[in-house]
Amino acid sequence: MKMYFYYGVMGSSKTAIALMENFNFREHGKKVILIKPSIDNRDGKFMIKSRAGLSSEAVLISAENKFSDILKEVFEVIIVDESQFLNYKQVEELRNFANSGIVVMCYGLKTDYTGRLFEGSKRLIEISDTIREIPSMCSKCEKKAIINAKYKKNKIIYKGNNIEIGGNEKYISLCHKCWVKGKIQEKDF
């Protein structure tokens, strides 16, 4: 089968689309598993939840685990949310599942708040059969958003730990021009 990587900035409906795909495959009788990296604890330990209000239970994978450690049954479809947090070996393992006939669908961010590729996203871009962007608008000017800007007290942060879990309270989706300007206002949220 195929391996898909769908990426977009925060708020681009990646998770909502992943949850709808889960629903659609199940409606057609497919055996599906939803997985998310254990580092993502925003919506509860075993939950995937979209900003649109959709949610579903999920299985967790830690950076130390292999997918084969958590997949105790055979599935026809594997859907991974927040796939940017996967490591190189985990993405390779997903590729092997796809090669064996399983549909693998990964959803995640492409880059961190500094504009650099996440490890998982980099490998997904390198080896996925299909790579698609889920576009979204800049929160300031409504051009195409390309970066998840990290901010504090209305100022963009450009340095620090590249993995820091958060939502709208820490990040805002911006185009490159607005990101470079370095300032946001309360009304931009």
C-alpha atoms as a PDB file:
ATOM      1  CA  MET A   1       0.000   0.000   0.000  1.00  0.00           C
ATOM      2  CA  LYS A   2       1.008   3.620   0.371  1.00  0.00           C
ATOM      3  CA  MET A   3       2.447   5.929   2.962  1.00  0.00           C
ATOM      4  CA  TYR A   4       0.996   9.441   3.117  1.00  0.00           C
ATOM      5  CA  PHE A   5       2.282  12.545   4.884  1.00  0.00           C
ATOM      6  CA  TYR A   6      -0.130  15.446   5.309  1.00  0.00           C
ATOM      7  CA  TYR A   7       1.436  18.527   6.840  1.00  0.00           C
ATOM      8  CA  GLY A   8       0.336  22.022   7.716  1.00  0.00           C
ATOM      9  CA  VAL A   9       0.732  24.753  10.294  1.00  0.00           C
ATOM     10  CA  MET A  10      -1.160  24.691  13.567  1.00  0.00           C
ATOM     11  CA  GLY A  11      -4.854  25.281  13.024  1.00  0.00           C
ATOM     12  CA  SER A  12      -4.880  23.934   9.455  1.00  0.00           C
ATOM     13  CA  SER A  13      -7.303  21.093  10.361  1.00  0.00           C
ATOM     14  CA  LYS A  14      -4.746  18.275  10.208  1.00  0.00           C
ATOM     15  CA  THR A  15      -6.194  16.514  13.236  1.00  0.00           C
ATOM     16  CA  ALA A  16      -9.792  17.031  12.114  1.00  0.00           C
ATOM     17  CA  ILE A  17      -8.938  15.464   8.745  1.00  0.00           C
ATOM     18  CA  ALA A  18      -7.142  12.550  10.446  1.00  0.00           C
ATOM     19  CA  LEU A  19     -10.190  11.916  12.630  1.00  0.00           C
ATOM     20  CA  MET A  20     -12.531  12.046   9.623  1.00  0.00           C
ATOM     21  CA  GLU A  21     -10.307   9.564   7.758  1.00  0.00           C
ATOM     22  CA  ASN A  22     -10.494   7.290  10.807  1.00  0.00           C
ATOM     23  CA  PHE A  23     -14.297   7.556  10.738  1.00  0.00           C
ATOM     24  CA  ASN A  24     -14.525   6.940   6.982  1.00  0.00           C
ATOM     25  CA  PHE A  25     -12.273   3.867   7.004  1.00  0.00           C
ATOM     26  CA  ARG A  26     -14.206   2.387   9.935  1.00  0.00           C
ATOM     27  CA  GLU A  27     -17.515   3.082   8.170  1.00  0.00           C
ATOM     28  CA  HIS A  28     -16.206   0.931   5.320  1.00  0.00           C
ATOM     29  CA  GLY A  29     -15.324  -1.928   7.638  1.00  0.00           C
ATOM     30  CA  LYS A  30     -11.565  -1.365   7.769  1.00  0.00           C
ATOM     31  CA  LYS A  31      -9.547  -2.209  10.864  1.00  0.00           C
ATOM     32  CA  VAL A  32      -7.953   1.114  11.862  1.00  0.00           C
ATOM     33  CA  ILE A  33      -5.654   2.226  14.661  1.00  0.00           C
ATOM     34  CA  LEU A  34      -5.117   5.848  15.700  1.00  0.00           C
ATOM     35  CA  ILE A  35      -1.718   6.588  17.232  1.00  0.00           C
ATOM     36  CA  LYS A  36      -0.071   9.669  18.672  1.00  0.00           C
ATOM     37  CA  PRO A  37       3.345  10.258  20.235  1.00  0.00           C
ATOM     38  CA  SER A  38       3.165  10.198  24.032  1.00  0.00           C
ATOM     39  CA  ILE A  39       4.902  13.600  24.223  1.00  0.00           C
ATOM     40  CA  ASP A  40       1.620  15.205  23.074  1.00  0.00           C
ATOM     41  CA  ASN A  41      -0.445  15.383  26.251  1.00  0.00           C
ATOM     42  CA  ARG A  42      -2.576  18.457  25.505  1.00  0.00           C
ATOM     43  CA  ASP A  43      -5.923  16.697  25.154  1.00  0.00           C
ATOM     44  CA  GLY A  44      -5.540  13.908  27.654  1.00  0.00           C
ATOM     45  CA  LYS A  45      -3.203  10.990  27.574  1.00  0.00           C
ATOM     46  CA  PHE A  46      -5.136   8.669  25.270  1.00  0.00           C
ATOM     47  CA  MET A  47      -7.123  11.211  23.231  1.00  0.00           C
ATOM     48  CA  ILE A  48      -6.754  12.926  19.893  1.00  0.00           C
ATOM     49  CA  LYS A  49      -8.882  16.062  19.734  1.00  0.00           C
ATOM     50  CA  SER A  50      -9.266  18.665  16.998  1.00  0.00           C
ATOM     51  CA  ARG A  51      -9.978  22.356  17.418  1.00  0.00           C
ATOM     52  CA  ALA A  52     -13.247  21.670  15.569  1.00  0.00           C
ATOM     53  CA  GLY A  53     -14.391  19.469  18.444  1.00  0.00           C
ATOM     54  CA  LEU A  54     -13.854  16.017  16.916  1.00  0.00           C
ATOM     55  CA  SER A  55     -12.121  13.491  19.150  1.00  0.00           C
ATOM     56  CA  SER A  56     -11.240   9.835  19.421  1.00  0.00           C
ATOM     57  CA  GLU A  57      -9.251   7.500  21.610  1.00  0.00           C
ATOM     58  CA  ALA A  58      -5.678   6.843  20.542  1.00  0.00           C
ATOM     59  CA  VAL A  59      -2.818   4.514  21.311  1.00  0.00           C
ATOM     60  CA  LEU A  60       0.399   6.156  22.520  1.00  0.00           C
ATOM     61  CA  ILE A  61       3.913   5.595  21.239  1.00  0.00           C
ATOM     62  CA  SER A  62       6.950   6.874  23.094  1.00  0.00           C
ATOM     63  CA  ALA A  63      10.276   7.718  21.466  1.00  0.00           C
ATOM     64  CA  GLU A  64      11.721   4.520  22.967  1.00  0.00           C
ATOM     65  CA  ASN A  65       9.035   2.234  21.515  1.00  0.00           C
ATOM     66  CA  LYS A  66       8.724   0.542  18.176  1.00  0.00           C
ATOM     67  CA  PHE A  67       5.320   0.403  16.514  1.00  0.00           C
ATOM     68  CA  SER A  68       5.587  -3.392  16.614  1.00  0.00           C
ATOM     69  CA  ASP A  69       5.672  -3.094  20.444  1.00  0.00           C
ATOM     70  CA  ILE A  70       2.215  -1.507  20.511  1.00  0.00           C
ATOM     71  CA  LEU A  71       0.512  -3.156  17.531  1.00  0.00           C
ATOM     72  CA  LYS A  72      -0.707  -6.424  19.003  1.00  0.00           C
ATOM     73  CA  GLU A  73      -3.182  -7.018  16.155  1.00  0.00           C
ATOM     74  CA  VAL A  74      -3.052  -6.671  12.387  1.00  0.00           C
ATOM     75  CA  PHE A  75      -4.503  -3.407  11.097  1.00  0.00           C
ATOM     76  CA  GLU A  76      -5.424  -2.380   7.569  1.00  0.00           C
ATOM     77  CA  VAL A  77      -4.910   1.321   8.262  1.00  0.00           C
ATOM     78  CA  ILE A  78      -2.517   3.123  10.612  1.00  0.00           C
ATOM     79  CA  ILE A  79      -3.228   6.823  11.249  1.00  0.00           C
ATOM     80  CA  VAL A  80      -0.618   8.827  13.173  1.00  0.00           C
ATOM     81  CA  ASP A  81      -1.329  12.336  14.454  1.00  0.00           C
ATOM     82  CA  GLU A  82       1.487  14.719  15.499  1.00  0.00           C
ATOM     83  CA  SER A  83       3.874  12.618  13.401  1.00  0.00           C
ATOM     84  CA  GLN A  84       6.549  15.317  13.516  1.00  0.00           C
ATOM     85  CA  PHE A  85       7.461  13.904  16.949  1.00  0.00           C
ATOM     86  CA  LEU A  86       8.329  10.457  15.575  1.00  0.00           C
ATOM     87  CA  ASN A  87      11.983   9.538  15.277  1.00  0.00           C
ATOM     88  CA  TYR A  88      13.841   8.284  12.217  1.00  0.00           C
ATOM     89  CA  LYS A  89      13.528   4.594  13.130  1.00  0.00           C
ATOM     90  CA  GLN A  90       9.806   4.874  13.827  1.00  0.00           C
ATOM     91  CA  VAL A  91       9.184   6.429  10.403  1.00  0.00           C
ATOM     92  CA  GLU A  92      11.252   3.646   8.817  1.00  0.00           C
ATOM     93  CA  GLU A  93       9.085   1.086  10.592  1.00  0.00           C
ATOM     94  CA  LEU A  94       5.928   2.775   9.259  1.00  0.00           C
ATOM     95  CA  ARG A  95       7.436   2.602   5.757  1.00  0.00           C
ATOM     96  CA  ASN A  96       7.895  -1.142   6.207  1.00  0.00           C
ATOM     97  CA  PHE A  97       4.237  -1.481   7.230  1.00  0.00           C
ATOM     98  CA  ALA A  98       3.208   0.393   4.071  1.00  0.00           C
ATOM     99  CA  ASN A  99       5.427  -1.888   1.988  1.00  0.00           C
ATOM    100  CA  SER A 100       3.657  -4.896   3.517  1.00  0.00           C
ATOM    101  CA  GLY A 101       0.216  -3.689   2.363  1.00  0.00           C
ATOM    102  CA  ILE A 102      -0.982  -1.461   5.203  1.00  0.00           C
ATOM    103  CA  VAL A 103      -2.241   2.061   4.502  1.00  0.00           C
ATOM    104  CA  VAL A 104      -0.164   4.483   6.615  1.00  0.00           C
ATOM    105  CA  MET A 105      -1.411   8.056   7.011  1.00  0.00           C
ATOM    106  CA  CYS A 106       0.687  10.556   8.965  1.00  0.00           C
ATOM    107  CA  TYR A 107      -0.410  14.060   9.934  1.00  0.00           C
ATOM    108  CA  GLY A 108       1.846  16.675  11.435  1.00  0.00           C
ATOM    109  CA  LEU A 109       3.797  19.878  11.343  1.00  0.00           C
ATOM    110  CA  LYS A 110       6.594  20.205   8.822  1.00  0.00           C
ATOM    111  CA  THR A 111       8.808  22.640  10.706  1.00  0.00           C
ATOM    112  CA  ASP A 112       9.360  23.936  14.208  1.00  0.00           C
ATOM    113  CA  TYR A 113       9.002  27.590  15.235  1.00  0.00           C
ATOM    114  CA  THR A 114      12.497  28.363  13.882  1.00  0.00           C
ATOM    115  CA  GLY A 115      11.571  27.077  10.420  1.00  0.00           C
ATOM    116  CA  ARG A 116      13.638  23.881  10.684  1.00  0.00           C
ATOM    117  CA  LEU A 117      12.283  20.441   9.832  1.00  0.00           C
ATOM    118  CA  PHE A 118      11.334  18.148  12.679  1.00  0.00           C
ATOM    119  CA  GLU A 119      13.143  14.792  12.596  1.00  0.00           C
ATOM    120  CA  GLY A 120       9.949  12.838  11.923  1.00  0.00           C
ATOM    121  CA  SER A 121       8.722  15.233   9.247  1.00  0.00           C
ATOM    122  CA  LYS A 122      12.081  15.214   7.480  1.00  0.00           C
ATOM    123  CA  ARG A 123      12.073  11.439   7.167  1.00  0.00           C
ATOM    124  CA  LEU A 124       8.397  11.375   6.168  1.00  0.00           C
ATOM    125  CA  ILE A 125       9.119  13.842   3.358  1.00  0.00           C
ATOM    126  CA  GLU A 126      12.018  11.671   2.217  1.00  0.00           C
ATOM    127  CA  ILE A 127      10.180   8.332   2.046  1.00  0.00           C
ATOM    128  CA  SER A 128       6.401   8.886   1.805  1.00  0.00           C
ATOM    129  CA  ASP A 129       4.627   7.995  -1.429  1.00  0.00           C
ATOM    130  CA  THR A 130       2.340  11.009  -1.216  1.00  0.00           C
ATOM    131  CA  ILE A 131       3.123  14.326   0.473  1.00  0.00           C
ATOM    132  CA  ARG A 132       0.400  16.959   0.692  1.00  0.00           C
ATOM    133  CA  GLU A 133       0.207  20.335   2.343  1.00  0.00           C
ATOM    134  CA  ILE A 134      -2.955  21.292   4.189  1.00  0.00           C
ATOM    135  CA  PRO A 135      -2.938  25.069   3.695  1.00  0.00           C
ATOM    136  CA  SER A 136      -3.987  27.696   6.194  1.00  0.00           C
ATOM    137  CA  MET A 137      -3.996  31.492   6.451  1.00  0.00           C
ATOM    138  CA  CYS A 138      -1.606  33.788   8.266  1.00  0.00           C
ATOM    139  CA  SER A 139      -3.263  34.992  11.469  1.00  0.00           C
ATOM    140  CA  LYS A 140      -2.146  38.570  10.771  1.00  0.00           C
ATOM    141  CA  CYS A 141      -2.492  39.247   7.034  1.00  0.00           C
ATOM    142  CA  GLU A 142      -4.414  36.205   5.681  1.00  0.00           C
ATOM    143  CA  LYS A 143      -1.677  35.231   3.192  1.00  0.00           C
ATOM    144  CA  LYS A 144      -0.584  31.591   3.224  1.00  0.00           C
ATOM    145  CA  ALA A 145       0.788  30.618   6.646  1.00  0.00           C
ATOM    146  CA  ILE A 146       4.030  28.671   6.539  1.00  0.00           C
ATOM    147  CA  ILE A 147       5.398  28.804  10.078  1.00  0.00           C
ATOM    148  CA  ASN A 148       4.181  28.140  13.603  1.00  0.00           C
ATOM    149  CA  ALA A 149       5.544  31.201  15.363  1.00  0.00           C
ATOM    150  CA  LYS A 150       6.249  30.864  19.066  1.00  0.00           C
ATOM    151  CA  TYR A 151       5.460  33.988  21.050  1.00  0.00           C
ATOM    152  CA  LYS A 152       5.526  35.452  24.522  1.00  0.00           C
ATOM    153  CA  LYS A 153       4.131  38.846  25.525  1.00  0.00           C
ATOM    154  CA  ASN A 154       3.311  39.668  21.869  1.00  0.00           C
ATOM    155  CA  LYS A 155       6.903  39.095  20.694  1.00  0.00           C
ATOM    156  CA  ILE A 156       8.023  36.301  18.396  1.00  0.00           C
ATOM    157  CA  ILE A 157      10.637  33.962  19.896  1.00  0.00           C
ATOM    158  CA  TYR A 158      13.318  32.703  17.508  1.00  0.00           C
ATOM    159  CA  LYS A 159      15.590  30.606  19.773  1.00  0.00           C
ATOM    160  CA  GLY A 160      15.196  27.885  22.363  1.00  0.00           C
ATOM    161  CA  ASN A 161      14.010  24.302  22.677  1.00  0.00           C
ATOM    162  CA  ASN A 162      12.498  23.238  19.346  1.00  0.00           C
ATOM    163  CA  ILE A 163       9.976  20.911  21.011  1.00  0.00           C
ATOM    164  CA  GLU A 164       7.613  22.589  23.422  1.00  0.00           C
ATOM    165  CA  ILE A 165       4.056  21.315  23.526  1.00  0.00           C
ATOM    166  CA  GLY A 166       1.413  24.007  23.350  1.00  0.00           C
ATOM    167  CA  GLY A 167      -1.493  25.462  21.461  1.00  0.00           C
ATOM    168  CA  ASN A 168      -2.847  28.921  20.792  1.00  0.00           C
ATOM    169  CA  GLU A 169      -1.433  30.180  24.090  1.00  0.00           C
ATOM    170  CA  LYS A 170       2.141  29.742  22.735  1.00  0.00           C
ATOM    171  CA  TYR A 171       1.948  29.535  18.950  1.00  0.00           C
ATOM    172  CA  ILE A 172       0.401  31.448  16.081  1.00  0.00           C
ATOM    173  CA  SER A 173       0.440  30.545  12.367  1.00  0.00           C
ATOM    174  CA  LEU A 174       2.097  33.212  10.225  1.00  0.00           C
ATOM    175  CA  CYS A 175       3.406  33.866   6.739  1.00  0.00           C
ATOM    176  CA  HIS A 176       7.155  34.417   6.484  1.00  0.00           C
ATOM    177  CA  LYS A 177       6.849  38.199   6.146  1.00  0.00           C
ATOM    178  CA  CYS A 178       4.794  38.562   9.344  1.00  0.00           C
ATOM    179  CA  TRP A 179       7.081  36.113  11.174  1.00  0.00           C
ATOM    180  CA  VAL A 180      10.172  38.160  10.307  1.00  0.00           C
ATOM    181  CA  LYS A 181       8.514  41.342  11.641  1.00  0.00           C
ATOM    182  CA  GLY A 182       8.688  39.769  15.087  1.00  0.00           C
ATOM    183  CA  LYS A 183       5.629  41.320  16.729  1.00  0.00           C
ATOM    184  CA  ILE A 184       2.020  40.341  17.082  1.00  0.00           C
ATOM    185  CA  GLN A 185      -0.924  42.018  18.720  1.00  0.00           C
ATOM    186  CA  GLU A 186      -3.669  40.670  20.968  1.00  0.00           C
ATOM    187  CA  LYS A 187      -6.175  40.904  18.080  1.00  0.00           C
ATOM    188  CA  ASP A 188      -4.037  38.494  15.986  1.00  0.00           C
ATOM    189  CA  PHE A 189      -5.111  35.500  18.093  1.00  0.00           C
END
